[in-house]
Amino acid sequence: MTLDGMSHSERNEYEAYVIECLQEAGIKDSNPATVLKTLDKDAFRRAIGQMKDDFDFGFKPESITSVAQLAEAIWRASQSR
């Protein structure tokens, strides 16, 4: 268990999910440390739309800075259902 409550396998699973959504939206080179502000805005919006459809979550873009943080936000949303 990590400090945020996610297990390492959960962290890997959710980070892989976010990276997959980004790739499907056209962002090919991302990893858990990728800074979201550096991504193509249109492709990122498409990826976020898919993630929101899949998980019904909301987030403040200014409070989430990396792929890893986005994965954690989605995990937290999935835990609160």
PDB file of N, CA and C in Angstrom:
ATOM      1  N   MET A   1       0.845  -1.180   0.000  1.00  0.00           N
ATOM      2  CA  MET A   1       0.000   0.000   0.000  1.00  0.00           C
ATOM      3  C   MET A   1       0.893   1.247   0.000  1.00  0.00           C
ATOM      4  N   THR A   2       0.586   2.194  -0.835  1.00  0.00           N
ATOM      5  CA  THR A   2       1.343   3.438  -0.855  1.00  0.00           C
ATOM      6  C   THR A   2       0.702   4.416   0.117  1.00  0.00           C
ATOM      7  N   LEU A   3       1.336   5.556   0.316  1.00  0.00           N
ATOM      8  CA  LEU A   3       0.824   6.536   1.271  1.00  0.00           C
ATOM      9  C   LEU A   3      -0.560   7.048   0.907  1.00  0.00           C
ATOM     10  N   ASP A   4      -0.883   7.087  -0.375  1.00  0.00           N
ATOM     11  CA  ASP A   4      -2.185   7.589  -0.799  1.00  0.00           C
ATOM     12  C   ASP A   4      -3.283   6.535  -0.718  1.00  0.00           C
ATOM     13  N   GLY A   5      -2.932   5.298  -0.351  1.00  0.00           N
ATOM     14  CA  GLY A   5      -3.925   4.235  -0.228  1.00  0.00           C
ATOM     15  C   GLY A   5      -3.966   3.283  -1.399  1.00  0.00           C
ATOM     16  N   MET A   6      -3.346   3.648  -2.497  1.00  0.00           N
ATOM     17  CA  MET A   6      -3.310   2.777  -3.672  1.00  0.00           C
ATOM     18  C   MET A   6      -2.235   1.716  -3.482  1.00  0.00           C
ATOM     19  N   SER A   7      -2.542   0.509  -3.893  1.00  0.00           N
ATOM     20  CA  SER A   7      -1.492  -0.515  -3.917  1.00  0.00           C
ATOM     21  C   SER A   7      -0.629  -0.269  -5.154  1.00  0.00           C
ATOM     22  N   HIS A   8       0.536  -0.865  -5.180  1.00  0.00           N
ATOM     23  CA  HIS A   8       1.410  -0.698  -6.348  1.00  0.00           C
ATOM     24  C   HIS A   8       0.753  -1.252  -7.610  1.00  0.00           C
ATOM     25  N   SER A   9       0.036  -2.350  -7.481  1.00  0.00           N
ATOM     26  CA  SER A   9      -0.626  -2.916  -8.667  1.00  0.00           C
ATOM     27  C   SER A   9      -1.758  -2.006  -9.140  1.00  0.00           C
ATOM     28  N   GLU A  10      -2.490  -1.383  -8.198  1.00  0.00           N
ATOM     29  CA  GLU A  10      -3.542  -0.431  -8.590  1.00  0.00           C
ATOM     30  C   GLU A  10      -2.919   0.768  -9.284  1.00  0.00           C
ATOM     31  N   ARG A  11      -1.824   1.284  -8.725  1.00  0.00           N
ATOM     32  CA  ARG A  11      -1.157   2.435  -9.335  1.00  0.00           C
ATOM     33  C   ARG A  11      -0.734   2.083 -10.764  1.00  0.00           C
ATOM     34  N   ASN A  12      -0.126   0.939 -10.932  1.00  0.00           N
ATOM     35  CA  ASN A  12       0.299   0.519 -12.274  1.00  0.00           C
ATOM     36  C   ASN A  12      -0.892   0.384 -13.213  1.00  0.00           C
ATOM     37  N   GLU A  13      -1.983  -0.197 -12.718  1.00  0.00           N
ATOM     38  CA  GLU A  13      -3.181  -0.400 -13.538  1.00  0.00           C
ATOM     39  C   GLU A  13      -3.785   0.927 -13.988  1.00  0.00           C
ATOM     40  N   TYR A  14      -3.945   1.874 -13.067  1.00  0.00           N
ATOM     41  CA  TYR A  14      -4.572   3.148 -13.408  1.00  0.00           C
ATOM     42  C   TYR A  14      -3.650   4.019 -14.260  1.00  0.00           C
ATOM     43  N   GLU A  15      -2.355   3.978 -14.001  1.00  0.00           N
ATOM     44  CA  GLU A  15      -1.426   4.725 -14.843  1.00  0.00           C
ATOM     45  C   GLU A  15      -1.431   4.159 -16.262  1.00  0.00           C
ATOM     46  N   ALA A  16      -1.467   2.835 -16.390  1.00  0.00           N
ATOM     47  CA  ALA A  16      -1.525   2.212 -17.720  1.00  0.00           C
ATOM     48  C   ALA A  16      -2.812   2.602 -18.439  1.00  0.00           C
ATOM     49  N   TYR A  17      -3.919   2.673 -17.700  1.00  0.00           N
ATOM     50  CA  TYR A  17      -5.197   3.079 -18.285  1.00  0.00           C
ATOM     51  C   TYR A  17      -5.104   4.506 -18.838  1.00  0.00           C
ATOM     52  N   VAL A  18      -4.568   5.434 -18.032  1.00  0.00           N
ATOM     53  CA  VAL A  18      -4.450   6.828 -18.475  1.00  0.00           C
ATOM     54  C   VAL A  18      -3.557   6.906 -19.712  1.00  0.00           C
ATOM     55  N   ILE A  19      -2.438   6.220 -19.688  1.00  0.00           N
ATOM     56  CA  ILE A  19      -1.519   6.232 -20.826  1.00  0.00           C
ATOM     57  C   ILE A  19      -2.197   5.653 -22.067  1.00  0.00           C
ATOM     58  N   GLU A  20      -2.961   4.595 -21.896  1.00  0.00           N
ATOM     59  CA  GLU A  20      -3.690   4.006 -23.030  1.00  0.00           C
ATOM     60  C   GLU A  20      -4.695   5.001 -23.618  1.00  0.00           C
ATOM     61  N   CYS A  21      -5.443   5.690 -22.764  1.00  0.00           N
ATOM     62  CA  CYS A  21      -6.401   6.697 -23.250  1.00  0.00           C
ATOM     63  C   CYS A  21      -5.677   7.817 -23.992  1.00  0.00           C
ATOM     64  N   LEU A  22      -4.541   8.248 -23.469  1.00  0.00           N
ATOM     65  CA  LEU A  22      -3.763   9.284 -24.136  1.00  0.00           C
ATOM     66  C   LEU A  22      -3.282   8.794 -25.501  1.00  0.00           C
ATOM     67  N   GLN A  23      -2.829   7.558 -25.569  1.00  0.00           N
ATOM     68  CA  GLN A  23      -2.364   7.004 -26.841  1.00  0.00           C
ATOM     69  C   GLN A  23      -3.498   6.912 -27.846  1.00  0.00           C
ATOM     70  N   GLU A  24      -4.665   6.483 -27.398  1.00  0.00           N
ATOM     71  CA  GLU A  24      -5.817   6.394 -28.300  1.00  0.00           C
ATOM     72  C   GLU A  24      -6.233   7.763 -28.819  1.00  0.00           C
ATOM     73  N   ALA A  25      -5.960   8.810 -28.031  1.00  0.00           N
ATOM     74  CA  ALA A  25      -6.292  10.172 -28.446  1.00  0.00           C
ATOM     75  C   ALA A  25      -5.200  10.791 -29.321  1.00  0.00           C
ATOM     76  N   GLY A  26      -4.094  10.066 -29.508  1.00  0.00           N
ATOM     77  CA  GLY A  26      -3.041  10.554 -30.384  1.00  0.00           C
ATOM     78  C   GLY A  26      -1.769  11.007 -29.689  1.00  0.00           C
ATOM     79  N   ILE A  27      -1.710  10.866 -28.379  1.00  0.00           N
ATOM     80  CA  ILE A  27      -0.508  11.241 -27.626  1.00  0.00           C
ATOM     81  C   ILE A  27       0.306   9.971 -27.413  1.00  0.00           C
ATOM     82  N   LYS A  28       1.391   9.838 -28.142  1.00  0.00           N
ATOM     83  CA  LYS A  28       2.118   8.562 -28.175  1.00  0.00           C
ATOM     84  C   LYS A  28       3.159   8.406 -27.076  1.00  0.00           C
ATOM     85  N   ASP A  29       3.866   9.436 -26.731  1.00  0.00           N
ATOM     86  CA  ASP A  29       4.986   9.310 -25.794  1.00  0.00           C
ATOM     87  C   ASP A  29       4.636   9.881 -24.430  1.00  0.00           C
ATOM     88  N   SER A  30       3.940   9.105 -23.627  1.00  0.00           N
ATOM     89  CA  SER A  30       3.631   9.550 -22.269  1.00  0.00           C
ATOM     90  C   SER A  30       4.021   8.455 -21.292  1.00  0.00           C
ATOM     91  N   ASN A  31       4.241   8.863 -20.066  1.00  0.00           N
ATOM     92  CA  ASN A  31       4.582   7.948 -18.984  1.00  0.00           C
ATOM     93  C   ASN A  31       4.051   8.561 -17.692  1.00  0.00           C
ATOM     94  N   PRO A  32       4.155   7.889 -16.552  1.00  0.00           N
ATOM     95  CA  PRO A  32       3.580   8.432 -15.319  1.00  0.00           C
ATOM     96  C   PRO A  32       4.087   9.825 -14.941  1.00  0.00           C
ATOM     97  N   ALA A  33       5.307  10.171 -15.349  1.00  0.00           N
ATOM     98  CA  ALA A  33       5.867  11.478 -15.000  1.00  0.00           C
ATOM     99  C   ALA A  33       5.533  12.572 -16.014  1.00  0.00           C
ATOM    100  N   THR A  34       4.849  12.241 -17.082  1.00  0.00           N
ATOM    101  CA  THR A  34       4.518  13.225 -18.111  1.00  0.00           C
ATOM    102  C   THR A  34       3.704  14.364 -17.513  1.00  0.00           C
ATOM    103  N   VAL A  35       4.138  15.592 -17.790  1.00  0.00           N
ATOM    104  CA  VAL A  35       3.445  16.789 -17.320  1.00  0.00           C
ATOM    105  C   VAL A  35       2.286  17.069 -18.272  1.00  0.00           C
ATOM    106  N   LEU A  36       1.087  17.159 -17.714  1.00  0.00           N
ATOM    107  CA  LEU A  36      -0.112  17.292 -18.545  1.00  0.00           C
ATOM    108  C   LEU A  36      -0.127  18.568 -19.372  1.00  0.00           C
ATOM    109  N   LYS A  37       0.423  19.663 -18.846  1.00  0.00           N
ATOM    110  CA  LYS A  37       0.422  20.931 -19.576  1.00  0.00           C
ATOM    111  C   LYS A  37       1.232  20.868 -20.867  1.00  0.00           C
ATOM    112  N   THR A  38       2.100  19.874 -20.996  1.00  0.00           N
ATOM    113  CA  THR A  38       2.937  19.771 -22.197  1.00  0.00           C
ATOM    114  C   THR A  38       2.241  19.019 -23.329  1.00  0.00           C
ATOM    115  N   LEU A  39       1.079  18.447 -23.055  1.00  0.00           N
ATOM    116  CA  LEU A  39       0.384  17.618 -24.042  1.00  0.00           C
ATOM    117  C   LEU A  39      -0.447  18.462 -24.998  1.00  0.00           C
ATOM    118  N   ASP A  40      -0.675  17.944 -26.180  1.00  0.00           N
ATOM    119  CA  ASP A  40      -1.553  18.582 -27.153  1.00  0.00           C
ATOM    120  C   ASP A  40      -2.939  18.759 -26.527  1.00  0.00           C
ATOM    121  N   LYS A  41      -3.423  19.984 -26.500  1.00  0.00           N
ATOM    122  CA  LYS A  41      -4.681  20.286 -25.797  1.00  0.00           C
ATOM    123  C   LYS A  41      -5.887  19.541 -26.368  1.00  0.00           C
ATOM    124  N   ASP A  42      -6.006  19.495 -27.682  1.00  0.00           N
ATOM    125  CA  ASP A  42      -7.154  18.812 -28.286  1.00  0.00           C
ATOM    126  C   ASP A  42      -7.126  17.315 -28.005  1.00  0.00           C
ATOM    127  N   ALA A  43      -5.971  16.708 -28.157  1.00  0.00           N
ATOM    128  CA  ALA A  43      -5.850  15.276 -27.883  1.00  0.00           C
ATOM    129  C   ALA A  43      -6.111  14.999 -26.405  1.00  0.00           C
ATOM    130  N   PHE A  44      -5.609  15.863 -25.533  1.00  0.00           N
ATOM    131  CA  PHE A  44      -5.824  15.682 -24.098  1.00  0.00           C
ATOM    132  C   PHE A  44      -7.312  15.779 -23.765  1.00  0.00           C
ATOM    133  N   ARG A  45      -8.010  16.733 -24.373  1.00  0.00           N
ATOM    134  CA  ARG A  45      -9.466  16.853 -24.150  1.00  0.00           C
ATOM    135  C   ARG A  45     -10.194  15.586 -24.583  1.00  0.00           C
ATOM    136  N   ARG A  46      -9.805  15.015 -25.713  1.00  0.00           N
ATOM    137  CA  ARG A  46     -10.417  13.760 -26.164  1.00  0.00           C
ATOM    138  C   ARG A  46     -10.157  12.640 -25.158  1.00  0.00           C
ATOM    139  N   ALA A  47      -8.938  12.547 -24.679  1.00  0.00           N
ATOM    140  CA  ALA A  47      -8.594  11.501 -23.707  1.00  0.00           C
ATOM    141  C   ALA A  47      -9.374  11.690 -22.411  1.00  0.00           C
ATOM    142  N   ILE A  48      -9.466  12.917 -21.933  1.00  0.00           N
ATOM    143  CA  ILE A  48     -10.215  13.189 -20.697  1.00  0.00           C
ATOM    144  C   ILE A  48     -11.686  12.857 -20.897  1.00  0.00           C
ATOM    145  N   GLY A  49     -12.233  13.177 -22.060  1.00  0.00           N
ATOM    146  CA  GLY A  49     -13.625  12.833 -22.341  1.00  0.00           C
ATOM    147  C   GLY A  49     -13.863  11.339 -22.224  1.00  0.00           C
ATOM    148  N   GLN A  50     -12.945  10.547 -22.766  1.00  0.00           N
ATOM    149  CA  GLN A  50     -13.063   9.088 -22.668  1.00  0.00           C
ATOM    150  C   GLN A  50     -12.976   8.634 -21.211  1.00  0.00           C
ATOM    151  N   MET A  51     -12.032   9.198 -20.468  1.00  0.00           N
ATOM    152  CA  MET A  51     -11.866   8.818 -19.061  1.00  0.00           C
ATOM    153  C   MET A  51     -13.103   9.175 -18.248  1.00  0.00           C
ATOM    154  N   LYS A  52     -13.672  10.346 -18.528  1.00  0.00           N
ATOM    155  CA  LYS A  52     -14.882  10.757 -17.806  1.00  0.00           C
ATOM    156  C   LYS A  52     -16.056   9.853 -18.158  1.00  0.00           C
ATOM    157  N   ASP A  53     -16.143   9.426 -19.409  1.00  0.00           N
ATOM    158  CA  ASP A  53     -17.196   8.477 -19.795  1.00  0.00           C
ATOM    159  C   ASP A  53     -17.029   7.152 -19.063  1.00  0.00           C
ATOM    160  N   ASP A  54     -15.792   6.713 -18.924  1.00  0.00           N
ATOM    161  CA  ASP A  54     -15.513   5.426 -18.281  1.00  0.00           C
ATOM    162  C   ASP A  54     -15.679   5.467 -16.768  1.00  0.00           C
ATOM    163  N   PHE A  55     -15.306   6.578 -16.142  1.00  0.00           N
ATOM    164  CA  PHE A  55     -15.260   6.620 -14.679  1.00  0.00           C
ATOM    165  C   PHE A  55     -16.146   7.674 -14.039  1.00  0.00           C
ATOM    166  N   ASP A  56     -16.757   8.565 -14.788  1.00  0.00           N
ATOM    167  CA  ASP A  56     -17.623   9.598 -14.234  1.00  0.00           C
ATOM    168  C   ASP A  56     -16.932  10.325 -13.080  1.00  0.00           C
ATOM    169  N   PHE A  57     -15.858  11.025 -13.401  1.00  0.00           N
ATOM    170  CA  PHE A  57     -15.122  11.762 -12.387  1.00  0.00           C
ATOM    171  C   PHE A  57     -14.911  13.183 -12.868  1.00  0.00           C
ATOM    172  N   GLY A  58     -14.608  14.054 -11.941  1.00  0.00           N
ATOM    173  CA  GLY A  58     -14.284  15.424 -12.271  1.00  0.00           C
ATOM    174  C   GLY A  58     -12.955  15.783 -11.632  1.00  0.00           C
ATOM    175  N   PHE A  59     -12.273  16.735 -12.198  1.00  0.00           N
ATOM    176  CA  PHE A  59     -11.021  17.186 -11.606  1.00  0.00           C
ATOM    177  C   PHE A  59     -10.739  18.599 -12.072  1.00  0.00           C
ATOM    178  N   LYS A  60      -9.930  19.297 -11.299  1.00  0.00           N
ATOM    179  CA  LYS A  60      -9.509  20.639 -11.661  1.00  0.00           C
ATOM    180  C   LYS A  60      -8.160  20.514 -12.365  1.00  0.00           C
ATOM    181  N   PRO A  61      -8.112  20.840 -13.641  1.00  0.00           N
ATOM    182  CA  PRO A  61      -6.856  20.664 -14.379  1.00  0.00           C
ATOM    183  C   PRO A  61      -5.656  21.335 -13.712  1.00  0.00           C
ATOM    184  N   GLU A  62      -5.880  22.452 -13.054  1.00  0.00           N
ATOM    185  CA  GLU A  62      -4.764  23.148 -12.418  1.00  0.00           C
ATOM    186  C   GLU A  62      -4.235  22.411 -11.183  1.00  0.00           C
ATOM    187  N   SER A  63      -5.016  21.489 -10.642  1.00  0.00           N
ATOM    188  CA  SER A  63      -4.565  20.760  -9.455  1.00  0.00           C
ATOM    189  C   SER A  63      -3.921  19.419  -9.800  1.00  0.00           C
ATOM    190  N   ILE A  64      -4.033  18.990 -11.038  1.00  0.00           N
ATOM    191  CA  ILE A  64      -3.461  17.720 -11.490  1.00  0.00           C
ATOM    192  C   ILE A  64      -2.353  18.062 -12.482  1.00  0.00           C
ATOM    193  N   THR A  65      -1.124  17.667 -12.179  1.00  0.00           N
ATOM    194  CA  THR A  65      -0.017  18.084 -13.036  1.00  0.00           C
ATOM    195  C   THR A  65       0.631  16.966 -13.836  1.00  0.00           C
ATOM    196  N   SER A  66       0.391  15.706 -13.461  1.00  0.00           N
ATOM    197  CA  SER A  66       1.074  14.611 -14.158  1.00  0.00           C
ATOM    198  C   SER A  66       0.124  13.451 -14.438  1.00  0.00           C
ATOM    199  N   VAL A  67       0.564  12.562 -15.290  1.00  0.00           N
ATOM    200  CA  VAL A  67      -0.199  11.349 -15.581  1.00  0.00           C
ATOM    201  C   VAL A  67      -0.432  10.572 -14.289  1.00  0.00           C
ATOM    202  N   ALA A  68       0.583  10.464 -13.443  1.00  0.00           N
ATOM    203  CA  ALA A  68       0.449   9.721 -12.182  1.00  0.00           C
ATOM    204  C   ALA A  68      -0.622  10.342 -11.289  1.00  0.00           C
ATOM    205  N   GLN A  69      -0.668  11.673 -11.202  1.00  0.00           N
ATOM    206  CA  GLN A  69      -1.687  12.333 -10.383  1.00  0.00           C
ATOM    207  C   GLN A  69      -3.077  12.148 -10.975  1.00  0.00           C
ATOM    208  N   LEU A  70      -3.188  12.172 -12.288  1.00  0.00           N
ATOM    209  CA  LEU A  70      -4.475  11.936 -12.931  1.00  0.00           C
ATOM    210  C   LEU A  70      -4.944  10.512 -12.655  1.00  0.00           C
ATOM    211  N   ALA A  71      -4.035   9.555 -12.730  1.00  0.00           N
ATOM    212  CA  ALA A  71      -4.380   8.161 -12.418  1.00  0.00           C
ATOM    213  C   ALA A  71      -4.882   8.043 -10.981  1.00  0.00           C
ATOM    214  N   GLU A  72      -4.232   8.747 -10.066  1.00  0.00           N
ATOM    215  CA  GLU A  72      -4.663   8.717  -8.665  1.00  0.00           C
ATOM    216  C   GLU A  72      -6.049   9.337  -8.500  1.00  0.00           C
ATOM    217  N   ALA A  73      -6.327  10.436  -9.206  1.00  0.00           N
ATOM    218  CA  ALA A  73      -7.643  11.077  -9.119  1.00  0.00           C
ATOM    219  C   ALA A  73      -8.738  10.138  -9.623  1.00  0.00           C
ATOM    220  N   ILE A  74      -8.463   9.417 -10.693  1.00  0.00           N
ATOM    221  CA  ILE A  74      -9.441   8.460 -11.220  1.00  0.00           C
ATOM    222  C   ILE A  74      -9.630   7.315 -10.233  1.00  0.00           C
ATOM    223  N   TRP A  75      -8.535   6.839  -9.650  1.00  0.00           N
ATOM    224  CA  TRP A  75      -8.628   5.774  -8.639  1.00  0.00           C
ATOM    225  C   TRP A  75      -9.488   6.231  -7.462  1.00  0.00           C
ATOM    226  N   ARG A  76      -9.234   7.456  -6.974  1.00  0.00           N
ATOM    227  CA  ARG A  76     -10.023   7.981  -5.841  1.00  0.00           C
ATOM    228  C   ARG A  76     -11.508   8.048  -6.200  1.00  0.00           C
ATOM    229  N   ALA A  77     -11.814   8.488  -7.406  1.00  0.00           N
ATOM    230  CA  ALA A  77     -13.213   8.554  -7.847  1.00  0.00           C
ATOM    231  C   ALA A  77     -13.826   7.163  -7.886  1.00  0.00           C
ATOM    232  N   SER A  78     -13.060   6.192  -8.328  1.00  0.00           N
ATOM    233  CA  SER A  78     -13.594   4.825  -8.398  1.00  0.00           C
ATOM    234  C   SER A  78     -13.816   4.244  -7.009  1.00  0.00           C
ATOM    235  N   GLN A  79     -13.056   4.689  -6.029  1.00  0.00           N
ATOM    236  CA  GLN A  79     -13.196   4.195  -4.660  1.00  0.00           C
ATOM    237  C   GLN A  79     -14.391   4.820  -3.946  1.00  0.00           C
ATOM    238  N   SER A  80     -14.814   5.989  -4.402  1.00  0.00           N
ATOM    239  CA  SER A  80     -15.907   6.696  -3.725  1.00  0.00           C
ATOM    240  C   SER A  80     -17.283   6.284  -4.217  1.00  0.00           C
ATOM    241  N   ARG A  81     -17.343   5.398  -5.198  1.00  0.00           N
ATOM    242  CA  ARG A  81     -18.643   4.946  -5.709  1.00  0.00           C
ATOM    243  C   ARG A  81     -19.226   3.897  -4.821  1.00  0.00           C
TER     244      ARG A  81
END
